[in-house]
C-alpha atoms as a PDB file:
ATOM      1  CA  MET A   1      77.249  37.968  28.523  1.00  0.00           C
ATOM      2  CA  LYS A   2      80.805  37.357  27.280  1.00  0.00           C
ATOM      3  CA  GLN A   3      79.911  33.783  26.346  1.00  0.00           C
ATOM      4  CA  LYS A   4      76.899  35.018  24.388  1.00  0.00           C
ATOM      5  CA  SER A   5      79.050  37.585  22.587  1.00  0.00           C
ATOM      6  CA  SER A   6      81.558  34.876  21.641  1.00  0.00           C
ATOM      7  CA  LEU A   7      78.747  32.660  20.359  1.00  0.00           C
ATOM      8  CA  GLU A   8      77.324  35.495  18.254  1.00  0.00           C
ATOM      9  CA  LYS A   9      80.787  36.197  16.844  1.00  0.00           C
ATOM     10  CA  LEU A  10      81.203  32.518  15.951  1.00  0.00           C
ATOM     11  CA  LEU A  11      77.791  32.399  14.271  1.00  0.00           C
ATOM     12  CA  ARG A  12      78.598  35.502  12.222  1.00  0.00           C
ATOM     13  CA  ARG A  13      81.695  33.757  10.924  1.00  0.00           C
ATOM     14  CA  ILE A  14      80.057  30.399  10.227  1.00  0.00           C
ATOM     15  CA  ALA A  15      76.645  31.534   8.949  1.00  0.00           C
ATOM     16  CA  PRO A  16      77.775  33.019   5.584  1.00  0.00           C
ATOM     17  CA  GLN A  17      79.792  29.911   4.716  1.00  0.00           C
ATOM     18  CA  ALA A  18      76.969  27.612   5.836  1.00  0.00           C
ATOM     19  CA  ILE A  19      74.528  29.521   3.620  1.00  0.00           C
ATOM     20  CA  ILE A  20      76.863  29.210   0.610  1.00  0.00           C
ATOM     21  CA  VAL A  21      77.281  25.455   1.204  1.00  0.00           C
ATOM     22  CA  LEU A  22      73.512  25.066   1.543  1.00  0.00           C
ATOM     23  CA  ILE A  23      72.906  26.945  -1.725  1.00  0.00           C
ATOM     24  CA  LEU A  24      75.578  24.902  -3.510  1.00  0.00           C
ATOM     25  CA  THR A  25      74.180  21.609  -2.193  1.00  0.00           C
ATOM     26  CA  THR A  26      70.636  22.572  -3.200  1.00  0.00           C
ATOM     27  CA  LEU A  27      71.850  23.617  -6.642  1.00  0.00           C
ATOM     28  CA  MET A  28      73.587  20.281  -7.200  1.00  0.00           C
ATOM     29  CA  LEU A  29      70.668  18.161  -5.973  1.00  0.00           C
ATOM     30  CA  VAL A  30      68.094  20.062  -8.019  1.00  0.00           C
ATOM     31  CA  GLY A  31      70.471  20.194 -10.977  1.00  0.00           C
ATOM     32  CA  ALA A  32      71.026  16.424 -10.900  1.00  0.00           C
ATOM     33  CA  ALA A  33      67.277  15.824 -11.012  1.00  0.00           C
ATOM     34  CA  ILE A  34      66.922  18.202 -13.977  1.00  0.00           C
ATOM     35  CA  PHE A  35      69.850  16.650 -15.858  1.00  0.00           C
ATOM     36  CA  GLN A  36      68.351  13.186 -15.446  1.00  0.00           C
ATOM     37  CA  SER A  37      64.979  14.392 -16.717  1.00  0.00           C
ATOM     38  CA  ILE A  38      66.258  16.172 -19.854  1.00  0.00           C
ATOM     39  CA  ASP A  39      69.182  13.931 -20.832  1.00  0.00           C
ATOM     40  CA  PRO A  40      68.430  10.231 -21.501  1.00  0.00           C
ATOM     41  CA  VAL A  41      72.094   9.160 -21.147  1.00  0.00           C
ATOM     42  CA  LEU A  42      72.499  10.883 -17.779  1.00  0.00           C
ATOM     43  CA  GLY A  43      69.036   9.609 -16.875  1.00  0.00           C
ATOM     44  CA  GLU A  44      70.305   6.028 -17.113  1.00  0.00           C
ATOM     45  CA  GLN A  45      73.102   6.748 -14.640  1.00  0.00           C
ATOM     46  CA  SER A  46      72.681   6.619 -10.874  1.00  0.00           C
ATOM     47  CA  PHE A  47      71.876   9.832  -9.026  1.00  0.00           C
ATOM     48  CA  TYR A  48      75.305  10.030  -7.354  1.00  0.00           C
ATOM     49  CA  GLU A  49      77.033   9.566 -10.738  1.00  0.00           C
ATOM     50  CA  VAL A  50      75.150  12.578 -12.065  1.00  0.00           C
ATOM     51  CA  VAL A  51      76.137  14.550  -8.954  1.00  0.00           C
ATOM     52  CA  PHE A  52      79.748  13.600  -9.680  1.00  0.00           C
ATOM     53  CA  PHE A  53      79.297  14.801 -13.273  1.00  0.00           C
ATOM     54  CA  GLU A  54      78.094  18.133 -11.869  1.00  0.00           C
ATOM     55  CA  PHE A  55      81.102  18.358  -9.562  1.00  0.00           C
ATOM     56  CA  ILE A  56      83.685  17.750 -12.302  1.00  0.00           C
ATOM     57  CA  THR A  57      81.814  20.334 -14.389  1.00  0.00           C
ATOM     58  CA  ILE A  58      81.805  23.204 -11.885  1.00  0.00           C
ATOM     59  CA  SER A  59      85.284  22.314 -10.613  1.00  0.00           C
ATOM     60  CA  THR A  60      86.394  22.638 -14.276  1.00  0.00           C
ATOM     61  CA  ILE A  61      88.133  19.235 -14.153  1.00  0.00           C
ATOM     62  CA  GLY A  62      86.027  17.828 -16.989  1.00  0.00           C
ATOM     63  CA  TYR A  63      87.467  14.336 -17.531  1.00  0.00           C
ATOM     64  CA  GLY A  64      85.304  13.931 -20.621  1.00  0.00           C
ATOM     65  CA  ASN A  65      83.862  10.535 -19.730  1.00  0.00           C
ATOM     66  CA  GLN A  66      80.584  12.227 -18.735  1.00  0.00           C
ATOM     67  CA  TYR A  67      79.034  15.057 -20.733  1.00  0.00           C
ATOM     68  CA  PRO A  68      75.579  16.371 -21.728  1.00  0.00           C
ATOM     69  CA  GLN A  69      74.293  14.831 -24.958  1.00  0.00           C
ATOM     70  CA  THR A  70      71.127  16.753 -25.757  1.00  0.00           C
ATOM     71  CA  HIS A  71      70.639  20.396 -26.713  1.00  0.00           C
ATOM     72  CA  ALA A  72      68.517  20.993 -23.616  1.00  0.00           C
ATOM     73  CA  SER A  73      71.085  19.513 -21.225  1.00  0.00           C
ATOM     74  CA  ARG A  74      73.911  21.451 -22.914  1.00  0.00           C
ATOM     75  CA  VAL A  75      72.063  24.737 -22.547  1.00  0.00           C
ATOM     76  CA  PHE A  76      71.209  23.891 -18.939  1.00  0.00           C
ATOM     77  CA  SER A  77      74.849  22.969 -18.216  1.00  0.00           C
ATOM     78  CA  ILE A  78      75.879  26.482 -19.288  1.00  0.00           C
ATOM     79  CA  PHE A  79      73.569  28.191 -16.792  1.00  0.00           C
ATOM     80  CA  PHE A  80      74.382  25.559 -14.157  1.00  0.00           C
ATOM     81  CA  SER A  81      78.116  26.269 -14.551  1.00  0.00           C
ATOM     82  CA  ILE A  82      77.632  30.047 -14.399  1.00  0.00           C
ATOM     83  CA  LEU A  83      76.053  29.620 -10.954  1.00  0.00           C
ATOM     84  CA  GLY A  84      78.010  26.609  -9.744  1.00  0.00           C
ATOM     85  CA  ILE A  85      81.608  27.563 -10.576  1.00  0.00           C
ATOM     86  CA  PRO A  86      81.773  30.753  -8.448  1.00  0.00           C
ATOM     87  CA  LEU A  87      79.881  29.062  -5.609  1.00  0.00           C
ATOM     88  CA  LEU A  88      82.359  26.163  -5.543  1.00  0.00           C
ATOM     89  CA  VAL A  89      85.390  28.447  -5.833  1.00  0.00           C
ATOM     90  CA  VAL A  90      84.201  30.592  -2.903  1.00  0.00           C
ATOM     91  CA  THR A  91      83.372  27.503  -0.826  1.00  0.00           C
ATOM     92  CA  LEU A  92      86.709  25.763  -1.377  1.00  0.00           C
ATOM     93  CA  GLY A  93      88.626  29.033  -0.957  1.00  0.00           C
ATOM     94  CA  ASN A  94      86.953  29.666   2.392  1.00  0.00           C
ATOM     95  CA  PHE A  95      87.687  26.121   3.541  1.00  0.00           C
ATOM     96  CA  GLY A  96      91.327  26.747   2.648  1.00  0.00           C
ATOM     97  CA  LYS A  97      91.342  29.918   4.767  1.00  0.00           C
ATOM     98  CA  TYR A  98      89.789  28.055   7.704  1.00  0.00           C
ATOM     99  CA  LEU A  99      92.412  25.316   7.370  1.00  0.00           C
ATOM    100  CA  THR A 100      95.183  27.935   7.374  1.00  0.00           C
ATOM    101  CA  LYS A 101      93.761  29.678  10.437  1.00  0.00           C
ATOM    102  CA  PHE A 102      93.411  26.319  12.192  1.00  0.00           C
ATOM    103  CA  TYR A 103      97.087  25.668  11.480  1.00  0.00           C
ATOM    104  CA  TRP A 104      98.168  29.000  12.988  1.00  0.00           C
ATOM    105  CA  LYS A 105      95.896  28.490  16.006  1.00  0.00           C
ATOM    106  CA  THR A 106      97.391  25.038  16.569  1.00  0.00           C
ATOM    107  CA  HIS A 107     100.906  26.368  16.007  1.00  0.00           C
ATOM    108  CA  GLY A 108     100.360  29.123  18.562  1.00  0.00           C
ATOM    109  CA  TRP A 109      98.874  26.687  21.078  1.00  0.00           C
ATOM    110  CA  ILE A 110     101.773  24.223  20.734  1.00  0.00           C
ATOM    111  CA  PHE A 111     104.548  26.814  20.869  1.00  0.00           C
ATOM    112  CA  SER A 112     102.726  29.259  23.193  1.00  0.00           C
ATOM    113  CA  GLU A 113     102.991  32.087  20.668  1.00  0.00           C
ATOM    114  CA  ARG A 114     100.644  34.914  19.770  1.00  0.00           C
ATOM    115  CA  THR A 115      98.834  34.190  16.533  1.00  0.00           C
ATOM    116  CA  GLU A 116      96.395  37.098  16.359  1.00  0.00           C
ATOM    117  CA  SER A 117      98.515  39.154  13.943  1.00  0.00           C
ATOM    118  CA  GLU A 118      98.929  36.193  11.564  1.00  0.00           C
ATOM    119  CA  LEU A 119      95.197  35.515  11.610  1.00  0.00           C
ATOM    120  CA  VAL A 120      94.268  39.137  10.979  1.00  0.00           C
ATOM    121  CA  ASN A 121      96.729  39.345   8.093  1.00  0.00           C
ATOM    122  CA  ASP A 122      95.482  36.047   6.589  1.00  0.00           C
ATOM    123  CA  LYS A 123      99.047  34.802   6.543  1.00  0.00           C
ATOM    124  CA  ASP A 124      99.619  31.824   4.250  1.00  0.00           C
ATOM    125  CA  MET A 125     100.412  28.419   5.640  1.00  0.00           C
ATOM    126  CA  PRO A 126     104.176  27.742   5.353  1.00  0.00           C
ATOM    127  CA  GLY A 127     105.182  26.214   2.032  1.00  0.00           C
ATOM    128  CA  ILE A 128     106.847  23.228   3.679  1.00  0.00           C
ATOM    129  CA  VAL A 129     103.593  22.364   5.464  1.00  0.00           C
ATOM    130  CA  ILE A 130     101.596  22.607   2.217  1.00  0.00           C
ATOM    131  CA  ALA A 131     104.194  20.388   0.507  1.00  0.00           C
ATOM    132  CA  CYS A 132     103.951  17.795   3.298  1.00  0.00           C
ATOM    133  CA  LEU A 133     100.147  17.796   3.064  1.00  0.00           C
ATOM    134  CA  TYR A 134     100.442  17.342  -0.701  1.00  0.00           C
ATOM    135  CA  LEU A 135     102.777  14.355  -0.287  1.00  0.00           C
ATOM    136  CA  LEU A 136     100.496  12.830   2.331  1.00  0.00           C
ATOM    137  CA  THR A 137      97.498  13.320   0.040  1.00  0.00           C
ATOM    138  CA  PHE A 138      99.339  11.693  -2.871  1.00  0.00           C
ATOM    139  CA  ALA A 139     100.179   8.760  -0.601  1.00  0.00           C
ATOM    140  CA  ILE A 140      96.506   8.340   0.309  1.00  0.00           C
ATOM    141  CA  GLY A 141      95.549   8.466  -3.372  1.00  0.00           C
ATOM    142  CA  PHE A 142      98.287   5.944  -4.166  1.00  0.00           C
ATOM    143  CA  PHE A 143      96.697   3.317  -1.940  1.00  0.00           C
ATOM    144  CA  PHE A 144      92.990   4.094  -1.734  1.00  0.00           C
ATOM    145  CA  ILE A 145      91.665   6.065  -4.738  1.00  0.00           C
ATOM    146  CA  PRO A 146      90.478   3.944  -7.700  1.00  0.00           C
ATOM    147  CA  HIS A 147      91.043   5.170 -11.257  1.00  0.00           C
ATOM    148  CA  SER A 148      91.471   3.804 -14.771  1.00  0.00           C
ATOM    149  CA  GLY A 149      95.301   3.951 -14.716  1.00  0.00           C
ATOM    150  CA  ALA A 150      97.696   1.301 -13.459  1.00  0.00           C
ATOM    151  CA  ALA A 151      97.420   0.843  -9.702  1.00  0.00           C
ATOM    152  CA  TYR A 152     100.426   1.523  -7.450  1.00  0.00           C
ATOM    153  CA  SER A 153     102.372   3.335 -10.180  1.00  0.00           C
ATOM    154  CA  ILE A 154     103.181   6.838 -11.375  1.00  0.00           C
ATOM    155  CA  ASP A 155      99.622   6.905 -12.735  1.00  0.00           C
ATOM    156  CA  ASP A 156      98.381   7.463  -9.171  1.00  0.00           C
ATOM    157  CA  CYS A 157     100.340  10.722  -8.734  1.00  0.00           C
ATOM    158  CA  TYR A 158      99.596  11.735 -12.326  1.00  0.00           C
ATOM    159  CA  PHE A 159      95.853  11.231 -11.865  1.00  0.00           C
ATOM    160  CA  SER A 160      95.899  13.147  -8.582  1.00  0.00           C
ATOM    161  CA  PHE A 161      97.801  16.123  -9.959  1.00  0.00           C
ATOM    162  CA  ILE A 162      95.780  16.589 -13.158  1.00  0.00           C
ATOM    163  CA  SER A 163      92.629  16.360 -11.028  1.00  0.00           C
ATOM    164  CA  PHE A 164      93.721  18.823  -8.337  1.00  0.00           C
ATOM    165  CA  ALA A 165      95.024  21.255 -10.953  1.00  0.00           C
ATOM    166  CA  THR A 166      91.666  20.890 -12.788  1.00  0.00           C
ATOM    167  CA  VAL A 167      93.510  19.921 -15.982  1.00  0.00           C
ATOM    168  CA  GLY A 168      91.551  16.685 -16.403  1.00  0.00           C
ATOM    169  CA  PHE A 169      93.024  15.385 -19.662  1.00  0.00           C
ATOM    170  CA  GLY A 170      90.648  12.430 -19.555  1.00  0.00           C
ATOM    171  CA  ASP A 171      93.254   9.725 -20.110  1.00  0.00           C
ATOM    172  CA  LYS A 172      92.937   8.754 -16.433  1.00  0.00           C
ATOM    173  CA  VAL A 173      89.469   8.928 -14.901  1.00  0.00           C
ATOM    174  CA  PRO A 174      88.152   7.967 -11.442  1.00  0.00           C
ATOM    175  CA  GLN A 175      86.074   4.846 -10.922  1.00  0.00           C
ATOM    176  CA  ILE A 176      82.807   5.574  -9.102  1.00  0.00           C
ATOM    177  CA  ASP A 177      80.767   2.466  -9.903  1.00  0.00           C
ATOM    178  CA  THR A 178      79.718   2.163  -6.251  1.00  0.00           C
ATOM    179  CA  PHE A 179      78.476   4.750  -3.767  1.00  0.00           C
ATOM    180  CA  GLU A 180      81.448   3.992  -1.494  1.00  0.00           C
ATOM    181  CA  LYS A 181      83.922   4.769  -4.287  1.00  0.00           C
ATOM    182  CA  PHE A 182      81.956   7.923  -5.132  1.00  0.00           C
ATOM    183  CA  CYS A 183      82.284   9.179  -1.536  1.00  0.00           C
ATOM    184  CA  LYS A 184      86.016   8.413  -1.414  1.00  0.00           C
ATOM    185  CA  VAL A 185      86.790   9.997  -4.770  1.00  0.00           C
ATOM    186  CA  ILE A 186      84.760  13.185  -4.319  1.00  0.00           C
ATOM    187  CA  THR A 187      86.148  13.727  -0.794  1.00  0.00           C
ATOM    188  CA  TYR A 188      89.661  13.204  -2.138  1.00  0.00           C
ATOM    189  CA  LEU A 189      89.120  15.631  -5.019  1.00  0.00           C
ATOM    190  CA  VAL A 190      87.595  18.310  -2.775  1.00  0.00           C
ATOM    191  CA  TRP A 191      90.495  18.056  -0.326  1.00  0.00           C
ATOM    192  CA  GLY A 192      93.083  18.071  -3.115  1.00  0.00           C
ATOM    193  CA  THR A 193      91.498  21.067  -4.830  1.00  0.00           C
ATOM    194  CA  ILE A 194      91.569  23.000  -1.538  1.00  0.00           C
ATOM    195  CA  LEU A 195      95.274  22.173  -1.181  1.00  0.00           C
ATOM    196  CA  ASN A 196      95.889  23.271  -4.757  1.00  0.00           C
ATOM    197  CA  ILE A 197      94.210  26.636  -4.104  1.00  0.00           C
ATOM    198  CA  MET A 198      96.424  27.099  -1.032  1.00  0.00           C
ATOM    199  CA  LEU A 199      99.521  26.135  -3.037  1.00  0.00           C
ATOM    200  CA  ILE A 200      98.674  28.584  -5.837  1.00  0.00           C
ATOM    201  CA  SER A 201      98.126  31.363  -3.275  1.00  0.00           C
ATOM    202  CA  TYR A 202     101.465  30.618  -1.600  1.00  0.00           C
ATOM    203  CA  VAL A 203     103.435  30.445  -4.873  1.00  0.00           C
ATOM    204  CA  THR A 204     101.744  33.611  -6.184  1.00  0.00           C
ATOM    205  CA  ASN A 205     102.657  35.545  -3.030  1.00  0.00           C
ATOM    206  CA  TRP A 206     106.194  34.140  -3.168  1.00  0.00           C
ATOM    207  CA  PHE A 207     106.668  35.317  -6.753  1.00  0.00           C
ATOM    208  CA  THR A 208     105.147  38.696  -5.883  1.00  0.00           C
ATOM    209  CA  GLN A 209     107.615  39.171  -3.035  1.00  0.00           C
ATOM    210  CA  LEU A 210     110.500  37.853  -5.153  1.00  0.00           C
ATOM    211  CA  PHE A 211     109.958  40.223  -8.075  1.00  0.00           C
ATOM    212  CA  ALA A 212     108.460  43.188  -6.216  1.00  0.00           C
ATOM    213  CA  ARG A 213     110.474  46.373  -6.713  1.00  0.00           C
ATOM    214  CA  GLN A 214     108.905  48.321  -3.885  1.00  0.00           C
ATOM    215  CA  PRO A 215     111.333  49.923  -1.418  1.00  0.00           C
ATOM    216  CA  PHE A 216     111.489  48.747   2.171  1.00  0.00           C
ATOM    217  CA  ARG A 217     108.842  50.592   4.185  1.00  0.00           C
ATOM    218  CA  GLY A 218     109.852  49.459   7.617  1.00  0.00           C
ATOM    219  CA  THR A 219     106.790  47.324   8.408  1.00  0.00           C
ATOM    220  CA  ASP A 220     108.921  45.188  10.721  1.00  0.00           C
ATOM    221  CA  VAL A 221     110.495  48.142  12.552  1.00  0.00           C
ATOM    222  CA  GLU A 222     109.756  47.942  16.271  1.00  0.00           C
ATOM    223  CA  VAL A 223     108.430  50.962  18.163  1.00  0.00           C
ATOM    224  CA  MET A 224     107.712  51.538  21.851  1.00  0.00           C
ATOM    225  CA  ILE A 225     104.069  52.120  22.783  1.00  0.00           C
ATOM    226  CA  GLY A 226     103.074  52.187  26.440  1.00  0.00           C
ATOM    227  CA  GLY A 227     106.319  50.533  27.428  1.00  0.00           C
ATOM    228  CA  GLN A 228     105.695  47.620  25.026  1.00  0.00           C
ATOM    229  CA  CYS A 229     107.711  46.869  21.903  1.00  0.00           C
ATOM    230  CA  ILE A 230     105.482  46.329  18.850  1.00  0.00           C
ATOM    231  CA  THR A 231     106.114  46.242  15.086  1.00  0.00           C
ATOM    232  CA  VAL A 232     104.486  48.561  12.548  1.00  0.00           C
ATOM    233  CA  SER A 233     102.766  45.588  10.857  1.00  0.00           C
ATOM    234  CA  GLU A 234     101.224  44.561  14.187  1.00  0.00           C
ATOM    235  CA  ILE A 235      99.970  48.127  14.724  1.00  0.00           C
ATOM    236  CA  THR A 236      98.370  48.006  11.268  1.00  0.00           C
ATOM    237  CA  SER A 237      96.710  44.687  12.136  1.00  0.00           C
ATOM    238  CA  LEU A 238      95.345  45.999  15.430  1.00  0.00           C
ATOM    239  CA  VAL A 239      93.969  49.149  13.793  1.00  0.00           C
ATOM    240  CA  ALA A 240      92.348  47.046  11.065  1.00  0.00           C
ATOM    241  CA  LYS A 241      90.733  44.777  13.654  1.00  0.00           C
ATOM    242  CA  GLU A 242      89.483  47.712  15.731  1.00  0.00           C
ATOM    243  CA  PHE A 243      87.777  49.407  12.769  1.00  0.00           C
ATOM    244  CA  HIS A 244      86.620  46.151  11.121  1.00  0.00           C
ATOM    245  CA  ALA A 245      88.747  46.773   8.043  1.00  0.00           C
ATOM    246  CA  SER A 246      91.334  44.689   6.259  1.00  0.00           C
ATOM    247  CA  PRO A 247      95.053  45.370   6.833  1.00  0.00           C
ATOM    248  CA  HIS A 248      95.308  46.074   3.099  1.00  0.00           C
ATOM    249  CA  GLN A 249      92.773  48.924   3.422  1.00  0.00           C
ATOM    250  CA  VAL A 250      94.662  50.419   6.374  1.00  0.00           C
ATOM    251  CA  ARG A 251      97.973  50.188   4.517  1.00  0.00           C
ATOM    252  CA  SER A 252      96.331  51.793   1.475  1.00  0.00           C
ATOM    253  CA  ILE A 253      95.120  54.731   3.606  1.00  0.00           C
ATOM    254  CA  LEU A 254      98.575  55.125   5.169  1.00  0.00           C
ATOM    255  CA  HIS A 255     100.109  55.008   1.695  1.00  0.00           C
ATOM    256  CA  ASP A 256      97.761  57.785   0.547  1.00  0.00           C
ATOM    257  CA  ILE A 257      98.639  59.881   3.624  1.00  0.00           C
ATOM    258  CA  ASN A 258     102.322  59.267   2.948  1.00  0.00           C
ATOM    259  CA  GLY A 259     101.847  60.486  -0.634  1.00  0.00           C
ATOM    260  CA  ILE A 260     100.041  63.624   0.555  1.00  0.00           C
ATOM    261  CA  MET A 261     102.803  64.356   3.078  1.00  0.00           C
ATOM    262  CA  GLU A 262     105.464  63.929   0.384  1.00  0.00           C
ATOM    263  CA  ASP A 263     103.568  66.305  -1.936  1.00  0.00           C
ATOM    264  CA  MET A 264     103.281  68.874   0.866  1.00  0.00           C
ATOM    265  CA  LYS A 265     107.000  68.537   1.608  1.00  0.00           C
ATOM    266  CA  THR A 266     107.805  69.014  -2.085  1.00  0.00           C
ATOM    267  CA  GLU A 267     105.640  72.162  -2.202  1.00  0.00           C
ATOM    268  CA  GLU A 268     107.299  73.553   0.947  1.00  0.00           C
ATOM    269  CA  ASP A 269     110.762  72.912  -0.487  1.00  0.00           C
ATOM    270  CA  SER A 270     109.700  74.600  -3.718  1.00  0.00           C
ATOM    271  CA  GLU A 271     108.378  77.642  -1.837  1.00  0.00           C
ATOM    272  CA  LYS A 272     111.582  77.898   0.187  1.00  0.00           C
ATOM    273  CA  SER A 273     113.642  77.753  -3.019  1.00  0.00           C
ATOM    274  CA  ASP A 274     111.523  80.549  -4.553  1.00  0.00           C
ATOM    275  CA  ILE A 275     112.024  82.701  -1.442  1.00  0.00           C
ATOM    276  CA  LEU A 276     115.796  82.174  -1.488  1.00  0.00           C
ATOM    277  CA  VAL A 277     115.920  83.038  -5.182  1.00  0.00           C
ATOM    278  CA  ALA A 278     113.893  86.210  -4.552  1.00  0.00           C
ATOM    279  CA  GLN A 279     116.188  87.217  -1.706  1.00  0.00           C
ATOM    280  CA  ASP A 280     119.258  86.725  -3.890  1.00  0.00           C
ATOM    281  CA  LEU A 281     117.722  88.957  -6.527  1.00  0.00           C
END
């Protein structure tokens, strides 16, 4: 029974992502066939080259070496992007979350530490780990990813960064003249874009914490419950997990309660002051 419950829990987690990937894959395959039928230039390209054109479109890289050249294909590319961009963003964002959770699971297994609170709070992967993955990815691109720039030079890192950051100036473009190169390049770009999303999330949270002017609320204060020492943040995480809510929602409710209590305290102090004034009179 427990094994069945665990399997159902796993399926609930995987099923939504699998459905999104299936929809995205179907959209790209059907879209490639439509692009080839309504655009003569794209129609002369191989099917996987058109799929790559779709990917650089919805990933907003847009190198500029491939683009729709008829009114029909331009109109279709607008509707295709409206559907494809959010689907790809959600897919890559979820993959980034799974990678982060895998890291914390592995970290907890290696160092025999509890990782449940980090997983519930969707804690970011440490910046140093993201940086190391970035450097490793750049090294792989340096040796194995073909592009129009000079091989084994700064062009390799430059091409990788403008691709991952979805800048795509177009001065350096990938070479996908064979299916093997197509597979290598698109896998590399997907992985790099996931890393870039994780990096942006980490840097954003770092800046938020750096410039936040909120007073310390004691989330790391330890309290004794049932003879066990536990922090306030861990209590919030456990409550969120028990009621199938996010820690942010629980903290928001506690913040509202705290505001109500402060208002009540202010009213009580005001009433006491009025009574003392009346007594003096």
